[in-house]
Structures are given as C-alpha cells and as structure tokens.
Protein backbone atom coordinates (compact mmCIF):
# COMPACT_ATOMS: atom_id res chain seq x y z
CA MET A 1 -51.64 -12.17 -8.30
CA GLN A 2 -48.98 -13.51 -5.94
CA SER A 3 -48.32 -17.24 -6.17
CA HIS A 4 -48.81 -19.35 -3.04
CA LYS A 5 -46.58 -22.13 -4.34
CA PRO A 6 -43.17 -22.51 -2.67
CA THR A 7 -40.01 -22.24 -4.77
CA GLN A 8 -38.78 -25.68 -5.63
CA LEU A 9 -35.08 -25.70 -4.64
CA ARG A 10 -33.25 -28.83 -3.58
CA LEU A 11 -29.66 -28.58 -2.42
CA ASP A 12 -27.63 -31.70 -1.79
CA LEU A 13 -24.54 -29.68 -0.81
CA THR A 14 -24.56 -28.66 2.84
CA SER A 15 -21.42 -26.49 2.73
CA ASP A 16 -21.66 -23.05 4.29
CA LEU A 17 -20.60 -19.95 2.39
CA GLN A 18 -17.31 -19.64 4.26
CA LYS A 19 -16.09 -22.82 2.56
CA TRP A 20 -17.00 -21.44 -0.83
CA ARG A 21 -15.30 -18.16 0.09
CA ALA A 22 -12.17 -20.20 0.78
CA PHE A 23 -12.58 -21.93 -2.60
CA LEU A 24 -12.84 -18.55 -4.34
CA ALA A 25 -9.77 -17.12 -2.61
CA ILE A 26 -7.66 -20.21 -3.36
CA ALA A 27 -8.77 -20.16 -7.00
CA GLU A 28 -8.00 -16.46 -7.49
CA LEU A 29 -4.66 -16.46 -5.65
CA GLY A 30 -3.45 -19.91 -6.76
CA SER A 31 -2.05 -20.72 -3.34
CA LEU A 32 -3.37 -21.90 0.02
CA THR A 33 -0.73 -19.80 1.74
CA ARG A 34 -1.78 -16.59 -0.01
CA ALA A 35 -5.45 -17.39 0.48
CA ALA A 36 -4.87 -17.89 4.20
CA LEU A 37 -3.17 -14.46 4.42
CA PHE A 38 -6.00 -12.85 2.47
CA LEU A 39 -8.70 -14.40 4.67
CA ASP A 40 -6.75 -13.84 7.91
CA SER A 41 -7.01 -17.59 8.45
CA ASN A 42 -4.55 -20.47 8.54
CA GLN A 43 -3.54 -22.95 5.88
CA SER A 44 -4.66 -26.06 7.74
CA LEU A 45 -8.21 -24.71 8.14
CA LEU A 46 -8.40 -23.90 4.43
CA SER A 47 -7.16 -27.39 3.61
CA ARG A 48 -9.98 -28.86 5.70
CA HIS A 49 -12.52 -26.61 3.97
CA LEU A 50 -11.19 -27.68 0.58
CA ASN A 51 -11.21 -31.37 1.44
CA ALA A 52 -14.79 -31.07 2.70
CA LEU A 53 -15.91 -29.39 -0.50
CA GLU A 54 -14.27 -32.00 -2.68
CA ARG A 55 -15.94 -34.79 -0.69
CA GLU A 56 -19.34 -33.15 -1.02
CA CYS A 57 -18.84 -32.42 -4.72
CA LYS A 58 -17.48 -35.93 -5.27
CA ALA A 59 -14.83 -34.41 -7.52
CA ARG A 60 -11.41 -32.85 -7.32
CA LEU A 61 -11.68 -29.05 -7.50
CA PHE A 62 -7.96 -28.26 -7.71
CA ASN A 63 -4.86 -29.84 -9.16
CA ARG A 64 -1.74 -29.49 -7.04
CA THR A 65 1.26 -28.01 -8.89
CA GLY A 66 4.83 -27.21 -7.97
CA ARG A 67 3.91 -23.55 -7.51
CA GLY A 68 0.61 -24.00 -5.70
CA VAL A 69 -2.79 -25.11 -6.96
CA ALA A 70 -4.78 -24.68 -10.18
CA LEU A 71 -8.48 -25.25 -10.84
CA SER A 72 -9.42 -28.67 -12.19
CA ASP A 73 -11.92 -29.02 -15.03
CA VAL A 74 -14.76 -29.26 -12.50
CA GLY A 75 -13.38 -26.33 -10.54
CA GLN A 76 -13.21 -24.18 -13.68
CA ARG A 77 -16.84 -24.95 -14.52
CA ILE A 78 -18.21 -24.03 -11.12
CA PHE A 79 -15.90 -21.07 -10.46
CA PRO A 80 -18.10 -18.37 -12.12
CA LEU A 81 -21.19 -19.81 -10.41
CA VAL A 82 -19.53 -19.72 -6.99
CA LYS A 83 -18.34 -16.16 -7.58
CA ALA A 84 -21.86 -15.08 -8.53
CA LEU A 85 -23.28 -16.89 -5.49
CA LEU A 86 -20.95 -15.09 -3.08
CA SER A 87 -21.56 -11.75 -4.78
CA ASP A 88 -25.31 -12.20 -4.37
CA ALA A 89 -24.81 -13.21 -0.73
CA GLU A 90 -22.74 -10.08 -0.09
CA GLN A 91 -25.42 -7.91 -1.68
CA LEU A 92 -28.09 -9.61 0.43
CA GLU A 93 -26.09 -8.91 3.59
CA ALA A 94 -25.72 -5.25 2.62
CA GLU A 95 -29.48 -4.97 2.03
CA ILE A 96 -30.28 -6.60 5.36
CA LEU A 97 -27.86 -4.47 7.36
CA GLY A 98 -28.82 -1.31 5.49
CA GLU A 99 -26.83 1.47 3.93
CA ALA A 100 -27.01 3.59 7.08
CA ARG A 101 -25.04 1.07 9.10
CA GLU A 102 -22.11 2.53 11.03
CA PRO A 103 -18.74 1.58 9.45
CA ALA A 104 -17.23 -1.34 11.35
CA GLY A 105 -14.51 -3.94 11.00
CA ARG A 106 -10.77 -4.10 10.60
CA VAL A 107 -9.05 -2.13 7.85
CA THR A 108 -5.47 -3.01 6.92
CA ILE A 109 -3.17 -0.29 5.60
CA GLY A 110 0.11 -1.04 3.82
CA SER A 111 2.51 1.86 3.63
CA LEU A 112 6.10 3.03 3.50
CA PRO A 113 7.55 4.00 6.90
CA SER A 114 8.23 7.58 5.81
CA ILE A 115 4.53 8.07 5.02
CA THR A 116 3.11 6.11 7.96
CA ASN A 117 4.84 8.02 10.73
CA PRO A 118 3.31 11.46 10.07
CA MET A 119 -0.29 10.25 9.87
CA VAL A 120 -1.09 7.03 11.76
CA GLY A 121 -1.37 8.56 15.23
CA ARG A 122 -3.78 11.22 14.04
CA LEU A 123 -5.69 8.70 11.92
CA PHE A 124 -6.25 6.50 14.96
CA LYS A 125 -7.52 9.44 17.05
CA GLN A 126 -9.93 10.61 14.37
CA LEU A 127 -11.32 7.14 13.77
CA ARG A 128 -11.80 6.59 17.48
CA GLU A 129 -13.86 9.79 17.64
CA LYS A 130 -15.88 9.37 14.43
CA HIS A 131 -15.97 5.62 13.78
CA PRO A 132 -15.16 3.73 16.99
CA ALA A 133 -16.20 0.38 15.49
CA VAL A 134 -13.36 0.54 12.93
CA GLN A 135 -10.05 -1.10 13.87
CA LEU A 136 -6.73 -0.39 12.17
CA LYS A 137 -3.96 -2.77 11.20
CA VAL A 138 -0.82 -1.17 9.76
CA LEU A 139 1.87 -2.98 7.76
CA GLU A 140 5.09 -1.17 6.90
CA GLY A 141 7.43 -2.29 4.16
CA SER A 142 9.37 -1.36 1.07
CA SER A 143 7.66 -0.24 -2.13
CA GLY A 144 7.94 -3.76 -3.53
CA GLN A 145 6.41 -5.31 -0.42
CA VAL A 146 3.49 -2.88 -0.37
CA GLU A 147 2.85 -3.56 -4.07
CA GLU A 148 2.82 -7.30 -3.38
CA TRP A 149 0.46 -6.92 -0.42
CA LEU A 150 -1.90 -4.90 -2.60
CA ALA A 151 -1.78 -7.46 -5.42
CA ASP A 152 -2.46 -10.30 -2.96
CA ALA A 153 -5.22 -8.27 -1.22
CA ARG A 154 -3.38 -8.53 2.08
CA VAL A 155 -4.09 -4.86 2.57
CA ASP A 156 -7.26 -2.85 1.99
CA ILE A 157 -5.45 0.44 1.41
CA ALA A 158 -1.93 0.95 0.06
CA ILE A 159 -0.07 4.25 0.25
CA LEU A 160 2.88 4.49 -2.11
CA TYR A 161 5.25 6.86 -3.84
CA ARG A 162 4.83 7.26 -7.58
CA TYR A 163 7.31 9.01 -9.86
CA GLY A 164 6.25 10.93 -12.94
CA SER A 165 3.42 13.38 -13.65
CA ALA A 166 0.50 11.27 -12.38
CA PRO A 167 -0.24 7.97 -10.63
CA PRO A 168 -2.03 5.07 -12.36
CA GLU A 169 -5.70 5.75 -13.18
CA SER A 170 -6.88 3.36 -10.46
CA GLU A 171 -5.09 5.34 -7.74
CA GLN A 172 -5.73 8.68 -6.05
CA ALA A 173 -2.98 11.29 -5.85
CA LEU A 174 -2.90 12.57 -2.27
CA ALA A 175 0.08 14.92 -2.34
CA THR A 176 3.17 15.94 -4.27
CA VAL A 177 6.41 16.03 -2.29
CA ASP A 178 9.85 17.38 -3.02
CA SER A 179 13.09 15.56 -2.30
CA TYR A 180 15.58 17.05 0.15
CA LEU A 181 19.26 16.52 0.75
CA ILE A 182 19.50 15.57 4.43
CA GLY A 183 22.61 16.33 6.46
CA ALA A 184 23.76 16.49 10.06
CA ALA A 185 23.26 19.50 12.31
CA GLY A 186 25.79 22.21 11.45
CA ASP A 187 26.48 20.81 7.96
CA ARG A 188 27.41 23.63 5.57
CA LEU A 189 25.84 22.18 2.42
CA THR A 190 22.39 21.51 3.88
CA ALA A 191 22.32 24.84 5.74
CA ALA A 192 21.04 26.45 2.52
CA GLU A 193 17.36 26.38 1.62
CA GLU A 194 18.12 24.75 -1.73
CA VAL A 195 20.98 22.86 -3.35
CA PRO A 196 21.38 22.06 -7.06
CA PHE A 197 21.23 18.39 -7.97
CA SER A 198 24.82 18.65 -9.18
CA ALA A 199 25.91 19.23 -5.55
CA LEU A 200 25.14 15.56 -4.85
CA HIS A 201 28.16 14.52 -6.93
CA GLU A 202 30.26 11.96 -4.99
CA LEU A 203 28.83 12.88 -1.56
CA PRO A 204 29.12 10.11 1.06
CA PHE A 205 25.57 8.79 1.02
CA ILE A 206 23.48 6.27 2.91
CA LEU A 207 20.76 5.29 0.42
CA PRO A 208 18.27 2.47 -0.09
CA GLY A 209 19.51 -0.51 -2.05
CA VAL A 210 18.17 -1.52 -5.45
CA PRO A 211 15.34 -2.26 -6.19
CA ASN A 212 13.81 0.86 -4.68
CA GLY A 213 11.73 3.60 -6.29
CA LEU A 214 13.74 6.50 -4.87
CA ARG A 215 17.08 4.87 -5.67
CA THR A 216 15.95 4.15 -9.24
CA ALA A 217 14.85 7.77 -9.70
CA LEU A 218 18.07 9.13 -8.18
CA ASP A 219 20.28 6.91 -10.33
CA ALA A 220 18.34 7.85 -13.48
CA MET A 221 18.61 11.55 -12.74
CA ALA A 222 22.33 11.21 -11.90
CA ARG A 223 22.92 9.60 -15.30
CA HIS A 224 20.92 12.34 -16.96
CA GLU A 225 22.88 15.07 -15.14
CA ARG A 226 26.18 13.19 -15.61
CA ILE A 227 27.14 13.07 -11.96
CA THR A 228 28.13 10.17 -9.71
CA LEU A 229 26.17 9.11 -6.66
CA ALA A 230 28.41 7.34 -4.16
CA PRO A 231 26.51 5.52 -1.40
CA VAL A 232 28.98 4.28 1.19
CA ILE A 233 26.15 2.44 2.97
CA GLU A 234 23.00 0.89 1.53
CA ALA A 235 20.12 0.54 4.00
CA ASP A 236 16.35 0.23 3.68
CA SER A 237 15.64 1.24 7.28
CA LEU A 238 14.41 4.82 7.68
CA PRO A 239 15.38 5.09 11.39
CA LEU A 240 18.87 3.79 10.54
CA MET A 241 19.24 6.33 7.75
CA ARG A 242 18.25 9.20 10.03
CA SER A 243 20.51 8.15 12.91
CA THR A 244 23.50 7.43 10.65
CA VAL A 245 23.25 10.82 8.96
CA ALA A 246 23.24 12.49 12.38
CA GLU A 247 26.02 10.41 13.95
CA ALA A 248 28.37 9.62 11.04
CA ARG A 249 27.74 12.90 9.19
CA LEU A 250 26.70 11.17 5.98
CA TYR A 251 24.00 12.38 3.61
CA THR A 252 20.74 10.92 2.37
CA VAL A 253 17.79 11.98 0.23
CA LEU A 254 14.30 11.99 1.72
CA PRO A 255 11.04 13.92 1.57
CA ILE A 256 10.80 16.55 4.30
CA HIS A 257 7.95 14.76 6.12
CA ALA A 258 10.29 11.80 6.77
CA VAL A 259 12.53 14.02 8.92
CA TRP A 260 9.96 16.63 9.99
CA SER A 261 10.49 16.20 13.74
CA GLU A 262 14.30 15.87 13.52
CA VAL A 263 14.61 19.08 11.48
CA LYS A 264 12.27 20.95 13.85
CA GLU A 265 14.39 19.79 16.81
CA GLY A 266 17.66 20.77 15.11
CA LYS A 267 19.00 17.20 14.94
CA LEU A 268 19.11 17.18 11.13
CA GLN A 269 19.17 19.73 8.33
CA ALA A 270 17.33 19.62 5.01
CA ALA A 271 17.92 21.51 1.77
CA ARG A 272 15.45 21.17 -1.11
CA ILE A 273 17.01 19.63 -4.22
CA ALA A 274 16.58 21.91 -7.23
CA SER A 275 17.83 22.34 -10.79
CA PRO A 276 16.28 19.89 -11.48
CA THR A 277 13.85 19.00 -8.72
CA LEU A 278 13.03 15.40 -7.85
CA GLU A 279 9.33 15.16 -7.04
CA ARG A 280 7.22 12.19 -6.13
CA ILE A 281 3.50 11.66 -5.67
CA VAL A 282 1.99 10.18 -2.52
CA SER A 283 -0.64 7.87 -3.99
CA MET A 284 -3.45 5.84 -2.41
CA ALA A 285 -4.70 2.57 -3.92
CA LEU A 286 -7.59 0.42 -2.70
CA ALA A 287 -7.66 -3.35 -3.01
CA ARG A 288 -10.35 -4.52 -5.38
CA SER A 289 -11.88 -7.18 -3.16
CA LYS A 290 -10.97 -7.05 0.52
CA GLY A 291 -12.28 -5.74 3.76
CA PRO A 292 -15.56 -4.15 4.95
CA SER A 293 -16.30 -1.60 2.22
CA ARG A 294 -17.89 1.10 4.40
CA ALA A 295 -15.02 0.93 6.89
CA VAL A 296 -12.43 1.12 4.09
CA ALA A 297 -14.21 4.14 2.61
CA ALA A 298 -14.29 5.84 6.01
CA VAL A 299 -10.57 5.28 6.60
CA ALA A 300 -9.69 6.46 3.09
CA ALA A 301 -11.69 9.65 3.61
CA GLU A 302 -9.86 10.36 6.88
CA ILE A 303 -6.48 9.81 5.19
CA VAL A 304 -7.38 12.35 2.50
CA GLN A 305 -8.37 14.88 5.16
CA ILE A 306 -5.16 14.37 7.14
CA VAL A 307 -3.02 14.82 4.04
CA GLU A 308 -4.85 18.03 3.13
CA ASP A 309 -4.43 19.40 6.67
CA SER A 310 -0.72 18.50 6.65
CA ALA A 311 -0.27 20.33 3.35
CA ARG A 312 -1.27 23.57 5.05
CA SER A 313 1.64 23.15 7.47
CA GLY A 314 4.10 22.87 4.57
CA MET A 315 4.76 19.14 4.89
CA TRP A 316 3.77 18.54 1.24
CA ARG A 317 1.50 19.93 -1.50
CA SER A 318 -2.03 18.62 -1.86
CA GLY A 319 -2.76 16.58 -4.97
CA THR A 320 -0.53 16.51 -8.03
CA ALA A 321 1.55 19.29 -9.49
CA ALA A 322 3.50 19.58 -12.70
CA THR A 323 6.90 18.07 -12.16
CA GLY A 324 9.93 20.27 -12.51
CA GLY A 325 12.41 17.46 -12.96
CA LEU A 326 12.82 14.80 -15.59
CA PRO A 327 9.94 13.51 -17.73
CA PRO A 328 8.36 10.23 -16.49
CA ALA A 329 10.28 8.12 -19.01
CA ALA A 330 13.58 9.19 -17.46
CA TYR A 331 12.68 7.46 -14.19
CA GLN A 332 12.53 4.01 -15.72
CA PRO A 333 15.33 1.61 -14.66
C-alpha cells in the first residue's frame, strides 16, 4: 500500500545545481581558468559561485596552489556526493525530456586544418537539414592543441591523425590516408603517380616544426631509410605550406585531401609516397563528459557518413587498413 507520509528532507544549503557543476569542473580540472573554458563561462563568475558555496558550507572547499586549486579535506569528502548528485540530476532531466527529443545544443569540434576543410561545409549543410537545433563550433589547431582541448573537455569531438596500425581503443578509425609528395605545377618529380621514399633525400622542403605527428613520422622513416630530410622552412600553417610550394617551388608532404582542390585545379601536383608508404589514420575521439549527448551523437554520425562518402571519391580509404610502411614502434620519437 502506498504511504501517504511525505519524505522528510531538510536542506539548509540553497545553492542551485549550476554552482555545484562549477565545483565539480574546478575539482576535476584543478583550475578556474580551465573550468571556465569547459563550462563556456568566465573565471570571475566561477569565483563568485565558489565563494558562495564556501560561505554556505561554512568551510573552505579548495586550497589555492601555485598551479591552480586543489580540494581541501572537506572538498574531498563531498566530491563523490556532489558528482553523484549531478549525475542523478542529469538522468532526471533526460527522463523528463524523453529519449525521443530532437538533438539540440552546441557541439564543439577540434580538428586539424587539413581534415576540417574537406568536411565542415558539408557537415553544416547536413545538420541544418536533419538536425536544425544543433549548432557547430569548430576549433582548428595542431595535433598537440587538439589533444589538449580533448583532455580539458574544451571540445566534444576531436578528429586527429594517428600513426601505426590502429588508433587507441577509445577512438574510432574513420579513414586511412596515404602521404603524398606535393610539388608545384610542372614539377618533374611529382608528375609521376608514385615516388619512392628515397626520392625525398635532401629535397628543399617546407615542413611542420617539431613537435608534430607528421614530422615525427617523417624523421623516423628517414632515419630508418638512411636518407636526409632538409626542410628549408618550418611552418605549421597549411595555407602557407600550399602557397609556398606553389610560389617558391619547394616541396612538402601532405595527405591528398589537404590539397584536393589545388591538385584538381592544376595549381599543385601530388605523387603518392611508396617503398615504403607512410600511412596515417583519421581518428575520431569523443570527450568523456561534455556537451549535449544526443547532439554529439548526431554530429558524430554525420561525420562518419561524410568520411565514407568521400572515400568513394578517392580522397581516402574508409576505416583502417594494414600499413605498408614501418611498424608502429618505428614512429616513436
């Protein structure tokens, strides 16, 4: 028989859940600055939330350190309870709104410029048609920056290059791409369909500076093949690399999708590097705790579809393939 007695709950704390969400983010990231980036908020507002919580708790929740903040003894005791509270609140919201709810909210993608350019325009069009309530935010950066954004949960989805036979277990392999020697229009070397890796010996290159995944892989393979790579310019800008190759008649190494339009228009030439090949995997990783989950899932599904469609045009190969170059260990710095 159902009881007619009310549940006896008495709460002295009047804080709303947003303040406790700020507490959780600060605790997990160890920094008000990082927590503000994660929550798309500002540091002064989080400081006010934290001060309000500490007044209401009548205890210090964090100890300030030279590198940021760390949980106090009281903060450590309540941390698992707060995390459980917010998890239950999120589940309650999902139950109230229902599983059939249309995906909505902002999804942040972190990617390398060479991967972003071929897909973002189409991704936006498809989302506008299928999921108009989803908004995109795109951050472009180096491999190291995208890794940091993913670790800090600044992005919901990260798209990266991975070298070796497979990406980490937590990531999804989208495509396998070959590396091409890129030259100016009319260049004799890149007029061929393929060039052996040994042909890269002492060419005048414009290449990314260290640390960079491609540069690390190239240098490792050059040592293995006993040739010398001679970059005369180091640059991390993809547009600069493309324009410099065309104007100064230098060389660079890129996947074909990074110069797809320029090769089609006859502005650049591309020859696939063989004997051995230098392959990389386009990998997608999702942040563990960020963003509206249904919207993130919808965007991720569209990205997979776009990559598969692009594979049919010859831009890359869907999923992973056995590498024809060095074993994964050879790519380590």
